[in-house]
């Protein structure tokens, strides 16, 4: 048996791990712990990884999933509501919805994963705004997202109508979002225009719906808002401590809308973040900085975050997330440049090489096959989750067999 044959058998042995269900399940559980870096959402319309955490269902997703949506006012305080406007589905103005126990507190309604249900909060009062009620076919129950003025009925209908197709992603892993709320790129293009004017609306539920959809919109689609955005307003929002949870999304918008002065301000904030070791908003700052400065800025990012051994893990993750967002958009930073940066990262940070494996596989960037074959042979990666990610990449790569036939790496021969 030749050395090349032995090498190929060793690699095949690693790949056989993928066929062992016990090992695979264990690896999957570990891999979820670094999902924020690996980012294996599938489908053309990929949520922006910096903004969307995927662990809570947004009000817009609930609206997409509902078979009926209405604005209805309480009739008697005993669980009867008269329909004032039809937002989605069948029904008629004047119909009475019966669902005891619905309540109106907006603060609860907009942050709840499942929506308000029987027994939650206080009963609706007669003088309150109408409620946005959603009906679910499976549970056959109505839930309330909260109250809003009837004047927003037309806006809600526009929002609901942007979801026209029944199309779902061909693959979603991990399963962190509702397949029923999946939108195509074309649908996202329509939706982003509808929600943009209502960001930070004085009506809390309207603002929550608008922001929720912004947070899960693909970054490439969000870039279409450039002409509609006001940089001064975005600066005020990013500096508002009460909007801290929304700062990453608004920072990204600032990178889209801003100019040279914005680039200078962002660079100062990045320097401060690196000096203080504060990576809280670093991924959004880096992504915005890349948007404004272009592909030439990636060299600086590689040197600063991947080559510098003083960088912390959160800082490295922030840089990877910023690149991921731009790689998904394939816009101001071409995806091919992001792939080059990922390969730089693989060589500079071999123990972390699995962080980008699944995203490279989703992009079918098989140029990294030789890099990953060498890493598996050298056992540079010890973490089972990363090993699983790399093996997943190699199993999908059409170049794996050819690379295995080339024999051991130079390091192993030594």
Protein backbone atom coordinates (compact mmCIF):
# COMPACT_ATOMS: atom_id res chain seq x y z
CA UNK A 1 0.00 0.00 0.00
CA UNK A 2 1.39 3.38 -0.97
CA UNK A 3 1.67 6.41 1.32
CA UNK A 4 -1.08 8.10 -0.68
CA UNK A 5 -3.38 5.11 -0.12
CA UNK A 6 -2.71 5.12 3.61
CA UNK A 7 -3.36 8.86 3.77
CA UNK A 8 -6.61 8.46 1.86
CA UNK A 9 -7.74 5.71 4.23
CA UNK A 10 -7.00 7.87 7.26
CA UNK A 11 -9.12 10.68 5.81
CA UNK A 12 -11.88 8.24 4.89
CA UNK A 13 -11.85 7.05 8.48
CA UNK A 14 -12.50 10.57 9.68
CA UNK A 15 -15.33 10.94 7.18
CA UNK A 16 -16.91 7.74 8.46
CA UNK A 17 -17.57 9.62 11.69
CA UNK A 18 -20.34 11.36 9.77
CA UNK A 19 -22.15 8.03 9.35
CA UNK A 20 -22.19 7.32 13.12
CA UNK A 21 -25.47 8.72 14.48
CA UNK A 22 -24.29 8.79 18.10
CA UNK A 23 -21.19 10.82 17.29
CA UNK A 24 -23.12 13.07 14.94
CA UNK A 25 -25.77 13.91 17.55
CA UNK A 26 -23.16 14.74 20.13
CA UNK A 27 -21.29 16.91 17.67
CA UNK A 28 -24.44 18.75 16.69
CA UNK A 29 -25.13 19.65 20.29
CA UNK A 30 -21.64 21.04 20.67
CA UNK A 31 -21.83 22.86 17.38
CA UNK A 32 -24.88 24.79 18.54
CA UNK A 33 -22.67 26.51 21.13
CA UNK A 34 -20.81 28.31 18.35
CA UNK A 35 -23.76 28.80 16.04
CA UNK A 36 -23.38 32.57 16.16
CA UNK A 37 -20.09 32.17 14.33
CA UNK A 38 -20.77 29.21 12.05
CA UNK A 39 -24.08 30.65 10.79
CA UNK A 40 -25.57 27.94 8.72
CA UNK A 41 -28.91 29.51 7.92
CA UNK A 42 -29.95 28.32 4.49
CA UNK A 43 -31.89 29.80 1.63
CA UNK A 44 -31.23 32.76 -0.60
CA UNK A 45 -32.78 35.20 1.85
CA UNK A 46 -30.40 34.86 4.77
CA UNK A 47 -31.09 36.81 7.96
CA UNK A 48 -28.43 39.28 9.01
CA UNK A 49 -26.40 37.42 11.64
CA UNK A 50 -25.46 40.59 13.53
CA UNK A 51 -29.06 41.72 14.09
CA UNK A 52 -31.13 38.56 14.25
CA UNK A 53 -30.58 36.10 17.07
CA UNK A 54 -33.29 33.72 15.86
CA UNK A 55 -34.29 32.48 19.32
CA UNK A 56 -37.49 34.54 19.61
CA UNK A 57 -40.30 34.82 17.13
CA UNK A 58 -40.88 38.38 15.93
CA UNK A 59 -44.38 39.90 15.64
CA UNK A 60 -43.93 39.96 11.86
CA UNK A 61 -43.22 36.24 11.81
CA UNK A 62 -46.38 35.62 13.82
CA UNK A 63 -48.35 37.70 11.34
CA UNK A 64 -46.93 35.64 8.47
CA UNK A 65 -47.80 32.37 10.22
CA UNK A 66 -51.40 33.37 11.08
CA UNK A 67 -54.25 32.43 8.78
CA UNK A 68 -56.29 35.43 9.97
CA UNK A 69 -55.36 38.83 11.40
CA UNK A 70 -57.74 41.58 12.47
CA UNK A 71 -57.89 44.81 14.44
CA UNK A 72 -60.73 44.35 16.91
CA UNK A 73 -62.14 46.33 19.82
CA UNK A 74 -63.42 44.75 23.05
CA UNK A 75 -67.20 44.58 23.23
CA UNK A 76 -68.00 43.62 26.81
CA UNK A 77 -64.75 42.92 28.61
CA UNK A 78 -65.66 39.22 28.69
CA UNK A 79 -63.60 37.99 25.77
CA UNK A 80 -65.69 39.32 22.87
CA UNK A 81 -64.10 41.62 20.28
CA UNK A 82 -65.75 43.32 17.33
CA UNK A 83 -63.69 43.33 14.14
CA UNK A 84 -62.92 46.86 12.99
CA UNK A 85 -60.45 46.10 10.18
CA UNK A 86 -59.43 42.95 8.32
CA UNK A 87 -55.66 42.71 7.97
CA UNK A 88 -55.36 39.20 6.57
CA UNK A 89 -57.57 36.23 5.77
CA UNK A 90 -61.32 35.74 5.72
CA UNK A 91 -63.92 37.53 7.80
CA UNK A 92 -65.77 40.81 7.66
CA UNK A 93 -65.86 44.09 9.52
CA UNK A 94 -68.42 43.78 12.29
CA UNK A 95 -67.77 40.11 13.00
CA UNK A 96 -67.37 39.16 16.66
CA UNK A 97 -64.30 37.23 17.81
CA UNK A 98 -64.73 35.24 21.00
CA UNK A 99 -61.59 34.41 22.95
CA UNK A 100 -61.80 34.80 26.75
CA UNK A 101 -58.76 36.04 28.60
CA UNK A 102 -57.06 38.14 25.89
CA UNK A 103 -55.26 41.14 27.32
CA UNK A 104 -53.61 44.24 25.96
CA UNK A 105 -50.34 45.18 27.70
CA UNK A 106 -48.00 46.02 24.80
CA UNK A 107 -44.83 45.44 26.80
CA UNK A 108 -45.84 41.79 27.28
CA UNK A 109 -47.32 41.30 23.86
CA UNK A 110 -44.37 42.39 21.78
CA UNK A 111 -41.68 40.44 23.62
CA UNK A 112 -43.62 37.20 24.06
CA UNK A 113 -42.54 34.26 21.91
CA UNK A 114 -46.01 32.73 21.78
CA UNK A 115 -48.22 35.80 22.07
CA UNK A 116 -50.73 36.54 24.81
CA UNK A 117 -53.03 33.64 25.61
CA UNK A 118 -55.84 32.86 27.99
CA UNK A 119 -55.13 34.03 31.53
CA UNK A 120 -52.21 36.37 30.73
CA UNK A 121 -52.30 39.96 31.96
CA UNK A 122 -55.43 41.98 32.59
CA UNK A 123 -58.70 41.98 30.66
CA UNK A 124 -59.06 44.62 27.94
CA UNK A 125 -60.84 47.84 28.81
CA UNK A 126 -63.49 49.39 26.62
CA UNK A 127 -61.64 52.68 26.08
CA UNK A 128 -58.39 51.12 24.83
CA UNK A 129 -57.09 51.01 21.25
CA UNK A 130 -58.14 48.02 19.16
CA UNK A 131 -56.06 44.88 19.48
CA UNK A 132 -54.12 43.18 16.73
CA UNK A 133 -55.53 39.67 16.95
CA UNK A 134 -54.03 36.68 15.14
CA UNK A 135 -55.72 33.32 14.55
CA UNK A 136 -53.77 30.10 14.32
CA UNK A 137 -55.24 27.21 12.34
CA UNK A 138 -53.47 24.53 14.36
CA UNK A 139 -54.44 25.72 17.84
CA UNK A 140 -57.73 27.21 16.63
CA UNK A 141 -57.18 30.08 19.04
CA UNK A 142 -56.82 33.82 18.79
CA UNK A 143 -53.85 35.58 20.39
CA UNK A 144 -53.13 39.27 20.82
CA UNK A 145 -49.94 41.04 19.83
CA UNK A 146 -51.06 44.21 21.58
CA UNK A 147 -52.88 47.43 20.79
CA UNK A 148 -52.42 49.95 18.00
CA UNK A 149 -54.53 52.70 16.40
CA UNK A 150 -56.86 51.66 13.61
CA UNK A 151 -55.05 54.12 11.34
CA UNK A 152 -52.31 51.50 10.90
CA UNK A 153 -54.64 48.91 9.36
CA UNK A 154 -53.52 49.82 5.84
CA UNK A 155 -49.87 49.56 6.82
CA UNK A 156 -50.46 46.12 8.35
CA UNK A 157 -52.18 44.96 5.16
CA UNK A 158 -49.22 46.16 3.10
CA UNK A 159 -46.89 44.26 5.40
CA UNK A 160 -48.93 41.05 5.25
CA UNK A 161 -49.22 41.23 1.46
CA UNK A 162 -45.45 41.15 1.01
CA UNK A 163 -45.62 37.47 1.99
CA UNK A 164 -47.25 35.98 -1.10
CA UNK A 165 -45.56 32.65 -1.76
CA UNK A 166 -45.70 29.42 0.21
CA UNK A 167 -42.00 28.86 -0.51
CA UNK A 168 -39.80 27.62 2.32
CA UNK A 169 -36.01 27.23 2.61
CA UNK A 170 -34.54 24.12 1.03
CA UNK A 171 -32.50 23.62 4.19
CA UNK A 172 -32.51 25.33 7.56
CA UNK A 173 -29.88 24.26 10.07
CA UNK A 174 -30.00 24.92 12.93
CA UNK A 175 -33.82 25.18 13.05
CA UNK A 176 -33.99 28.63 14.62
CA UNK A 177 -36.75 30.29 12.66
CA UNK A 178 -40.28 29.63 11.45
CA UNK A 179 -40.33 28.13 7.98
CA UNK A 180 -43.81 29.64 7.54
CA UNK A 181 -42.28 33.11 7.86
CA UNK A 182 -39.64 32.56 5.19
CA UNK A 183 -39.54 35.28 2.52
CA UNK A 184 -37.85 35.25 -0.86
CA UNK A 185 -35.40 38.00 -1.82
CA UNK A 186 -38.12 39.66 -3.90
CA UNK A 187 -40.58 39.59 -0.98
CA UNK A 188 -37.94 41.01 1.33
CA UNK A 189 -37.33 43.81 -1.15
CA UNK A 190 -40.98 44.81 -0.83
CA UNK A 191 -41.17 44.34 2.93
CA UNK A 192 -38.10 46.36 3.81
CA UNK A 193 -39.58 49.40 2.06
CA UNK A 194 -42.84 49.00 3.99
CA UNK A 195 -41.27 48.78 7.44
CA UNK A 196 -38.51 51.39 7.09
CA UNK A 197 -40.72 54.50 7.69
CA UNK A 198 -42.07 53.00 10.92
CA UNK A 199 -38.76 52.35 12.65
CA UNK A 200 -39.04 54.08 16.04
CA UNK A 201 -42.71 54.89 15.46
CA UNK A 202 -44.33 56.55 18.50
CA UNK A 203 -46.70 53.58 18.56
CA UNK A 204 -44.79 50.87 20.49
CA UNK A 205 -46.27 47.83 18.72
CA UNK A 206 -45.80 49.40 15.28
CA UNK A 207 -42.17 50.17 16.10
CA UNK A 208 -41.65 46.64 17.46
CA UNK A 209 -43.07 45.04 14.31
CA UNK A 210 -40.94 47.25 12.08
CA UNK A 211 -37.74 46.66 14.03
CA UNK A 212 -38.38 42.91 14.26
CA UNK A 213 -38.54 42.66 10.48
CA UNK A 214 -35.47 44.86 10.04
CA UNK A 215 -33.56 42.63 12.46
CA UNK A 216 -34.22 39.48 10.41
CA UNK A 217 -33.96 40.99 6.94
CA UNK A 218 -30.98 39.92 4.80
CA UNK A 219 -28.25 42.53 4.86
CA UNK A 220 -28.13 42.65 1.07
CA UNK A 221 -31.79 43.69 1.02
CA UNK A 222 -31.28 46.26 3.78
CA UNK A 223 -28.70 47.99 1.61
CA UNK A 224 -31.55 48.94 -0.76
CA UNK A 225 -32.73 51.48 1.83
CA UNK A 226 -29.71 53.76 1.36
CA UNK A 227 -31.64 56.60 -0.30
CA UNK A 228 -34.37 56.51 2.37
CA UNK A 229 -32.14 56.63 5.45
CA UNK A 230 -31.26 59.77 7.42
CA UNK A 231 -27.75 59.53 8.92
CA UNK A 232 -28.41 62.15 11.61
CA UNK A 233 -31.44 60.25 12.87
CA UNK A 234 -29.47 56.98 12.90
CA UNK A 235 -26.66 58.59 14.89
CA UNK A 236 -29.21 59.72 17.48
CA UNK A 237 -30.68 56.22 17.67
CA UNK A 238 -27.30 54.52 18.09
CA UNK A 239 -26.42 56.95 20.90
CA UNK A 240 -29.73 56.49 22.73
CA UNK A 241 -29.14 54.23 25.77
CA UNK A 242 -32.80 53.19 25.78
CA UNK A 243 -32.27 51.65 22.33
CA UNK A 244 -29.17 49.66 23.29
CA UNK A 245 -30.70 46.37 22.13
CA UNK A 246 -31.30 47.87 18.68
CA UNK A 247 -27.88 49.47 18.35
CA UNK A 248 -26.34 46.75 16.13
CA UNK A 249 -29.07 47.05 13.49
CA UNK A 250 -29.00 50.84 13.51
CA UNK A 251 -25.19 50.80 13.33
CA UNK A 252 -25.43 48.70 10.17
CA UNK A 253 -27.93 51.17 8.72
CA UNK A 254 -25.55 54.00 9.56
CA UNK A 255 -22.82 52.27 7.58
CA UNK A 256 -25.20 52.06 4.61
CA UNK A 257 -26.37 55.67 4.85
CA UNK A 258 -23.23 57.44 6.04
CA UNK A 259 -20.36 59.21 4.33
CA UNK A 260 -16.71 60.09 5.04
CA UNK A 261 -17.51 61.71 8.41
CA UNK A 262 -19.35 58.56 9.45
CA UNK A 263 -16.34 56.43 8.52
CA UNK A 264 -14.09 58.54 10.74
CA UNK A 265 -16.53 58.32 13.66
CA UNK A 266 -16.86 54.55 13.26
CA UNK A 267 -13.08 54.11 13.20
CA UNK A 268 -12.83 56.01 16.48
CA UNK A 269 -15.47 53.78 18.04
CA UNK A 270 -13.67 50.67 16.83
CA UNK A 271 -10.38 51.92 18.31
CA UNK A 272 -12.13 52.55 21.61
CA UNK A 273 -13.71 49.11 21.59
CA UNK A 274 -10.35 47.45 20.96
CA UNK A 275 -8.63 49.51 23.64
CA UNK A 276 -11.27 48.70 26.25
CA UNK A 277 -11.73 45.09 25.07
CA UNK A 278 -15.45 45.77 24.64
CA UNK A 279 -16.85 43.63 21.83
CA UNK A 280 -20.50 44.40 22.60
CA UNK A 281 -21.24 46.20 19.32
CA UNK A 282 -17.97 45.45 17.56
CA UNK A 283 -19.33 43.19 14.82
CA UNK A 284 -21.81 45.87 13.70
CA UNK A 285 -19.14 48.58 13.84
CA UNK A 286 -16.80 46.47 11.71
CA UNK A 287 -19.51 45.61 9.19
CA UNK A 288 -20.49 49.27 8.87
CA UNK A 289 -16.84 50.25 8.53
CA UNK A 290 -16.36 47.70 5.74
CA UNK A 291 -19.47 48.97 3.96
CA UNK A 292 -18.09 52.51 3.91
CA UNK A 293 -14.46 51.71 3.13
CA UNK A 294 -14.82 48.81 0.71
CA UNK A 295 -12.79 45.68 -0.03
CA UNK A 296 -9.45 47.37 0.63
CA UNK A 297 -10.32 47.47 4.32
CA UNK A 298 -10.34 43.66 4.59
CA UNK A 299 -6.52 43.58 4.63
CA UNK A 300 -6.58 45.67 7.80
CA UNK A 301 -9.17 43.38 9.37
CA UNK A 302 -7.10 40.27 8.62
CA UNK A 303 -3.99 41.79 10.17
CA UNK A 304 -5.75 43.30 13.16
CA UNK A 305 -7.96 40.39 14.18
CA UNK A 306 -6.58 37.18 12.69
CA UNK A 307 -2.81 37.74 12.71
CA UNK A 308 -2.64 39.62 16.02
CA UNK A 309 -2.32 37.03 18.80
CA UNK A 310 -3.47 39.56 21.41
CA UNK A 311 -7.01 39.58 20.09
CA UNK A 312 -9.66 37.96 22.28
CA UNK A 313 -12.15 35.33 21.12
CA UNK A 314 -15.11 37.79 21.17
CA UNK A 315 -13.10 40.19 19.01
CA UNK A 316 -12.26 37.45 16.51
CA UNK A 317 -15.90 36.36 16.44
CA UNK A 318 -16.95 39.96 15.78
CA UNK A 319 -14.63 40.16 12.78
CA UNK A 320 -15.96 36.86 11.42
CA UNK A 321 -19.56 38.03 11.81
CA UNK A 322 -18.81 41.26 9.97
CA UNK A 323 -17.28 39.29 7.10
CA UNK A 324 -20.18 36.85 7.14
CA UNK A 325 -22.72 39.61 6.67
CA UNK A 326 -20.84 40.99 3.68
CA UNK A 327 -20.20 37.56 2.22
CA UNK A 328 -23.91 36.85 2.31
CA UNK A 329 -24.72 40.17 0.61
CA UNK A 330 -21.94 39.91 -2.00
CA UNK A 331 -22.09 43.67 -2.43
CA UNK A 332 -19.57 46.30 -1.38
CA UNK A 333 -17.27 43.48 -0.27
CA UNK A 334 -17.37 40.74 -2.93
CA UNK A 335 -17.95 37.26 -1.58
CA UNK A 336 -14.74 36.05 -3.22
CA UNK A 337 -12.82 38.53 -1.02
CA UNK A 338 -14.59 37.26 2.09
CA UNK A 339 -13.68 33.69 1.12
CA UNK A 340 -10.05 34.77 0.78
CA UNK A 341 -10.24 36.30 4.26
CA UNK A 342 -11.72 33.07 5.63
CA UNK A 343 -8.86 31.09 4.13
CA UNK A 344 -6.43 33.57 5.69
CA UNK A 345 -8.20 32.93 9.00
CA UNK A 346 -7.97 29.14 8.55
CA UNK A 347 -4.21 29.35 8.09
CA UNK A 348 -3.64 31.93 10.83
CA UNK A 349 -5.95 30.34 13.40
CA UNK A 350 -5.89 26.60 12.69
CA UNK A 351 -7.46 25.56 16.04
CA UNK A 352 -10.47 27.76 15.14
CA UNK A 353 -10.66 26.75 11.48
CA UNK A 354 -14.02 25.04 11.91
CA UNK A 355 -15.72 28.34 12.72
CA UNK A 356 -16.12 29.16 9.02
CA UNK A 357 -16.41 25.66 7.55
CA UNK A 358 -20.18 25.42 7.24
CA UNK A 359 -20.56 28.86 5.74
CA UNK A 360 -17.89 28.07 3.16
CA UNK A 361 -19.83 24.90 2.37
CA UNK A 362 -23.08 26.84 1.99
CA UNK A 363 -21.31 29.12 -0.49
CA UNK A 364 -19.82 26.05 -2.22
CA UNK A 365 -16.37 27.57 -1.76
CA UNK A 366 -14.42 24.37 -2.24
CA UNK A 367 -11.02 26.10 -2.56
CA UNK A 368 -10.55 25.51 1.17
CA UNK A 369 -10.69 21.71 0.74
CA UNK A 370 -6.91 21.30 0.76
CA UNK A 371 -6.66 23.53 3.84
CA UNK A 372 -9.20 21.41 5.72
CA UNK A 373 -7.72 18.08 4.62
CA UNK A 374 -4.38 19.26 5.99
CA UNK A 375 -5.99 20.38 9.27
CA UNK A 376 -7.73 17.03 9.77
CA UNK A 377 -4.47 15.16 9.08
CA UNK A 378 -2.47 17.35 11.42
CA UNK A 379 -5.16 17.16 14.16
CA UNK A 380 -4.86 20.91 14.63
CA UNK A 381 -8.52 21.15 15.64
CA UNK A 382 -9.38 19.46 18.92
CA UNK A 383 -12.93 20.65 19.51
CA UNK A 384 -15.49 18.00 18.42
CA UNK A 385 -17.92 20.64 17.22
CA UNK A 386 -15.35 22.18 14.91
CA UNK A 387 -14.27 18.74 13.73
CA UNK A 388 -17.88 18.03 12.84
CA UNK A 389 -18.12 21.29 10.88
CA UNK A 390 -14.93 20.56 8.95
CA UNK A 391 -15.96 16.99 8.21
CA UNK A 392 -19.34 18.24 6.99
CA UNK A 393 -17.52 20.55 4.60
CA UNK A 394 -15.22 17.78 3.37
CA UNK A 395 -18.08 15.37 2.88
CA UNK A 396 -19.86 17.91 0.65
CA UNK A 397 -16.75 19.03 -1.24
CA UNK A 398 -16.24 17.41 -4.66
CA UNK A 399 -12.48 17.92 -4.25
CA UNK A 400 -12.01 15.87 -1.07
CA UNK A 401 -11.12 12.56 -2.76
CA UNK A 402 -8.58 14.23 -5.02
CA UNK A 403 -6.93 16.00 -2.08
CA UNK A 404 -6.75 12.78 -0.07
CA UNK A 405 -4.95 11.07 -2.96
CA UNK A 406 -2.17 13.65 -2.81
CA UNK A 407 -0.74 12.03 0.29
CA UNK A 408 0.38 13.44 3.66
CA UNK A 409 1.09 17.12 4.15
CA UNK A 410 4.60 18.48 4.35
CA UNK A 411 4.24 18.85 8.13
CA UNK A 412 3.35 15.18 8.56
CA UNK A 413 6.24 14.00 6.36
CA UNK A 414 8.58 15.88 8.62
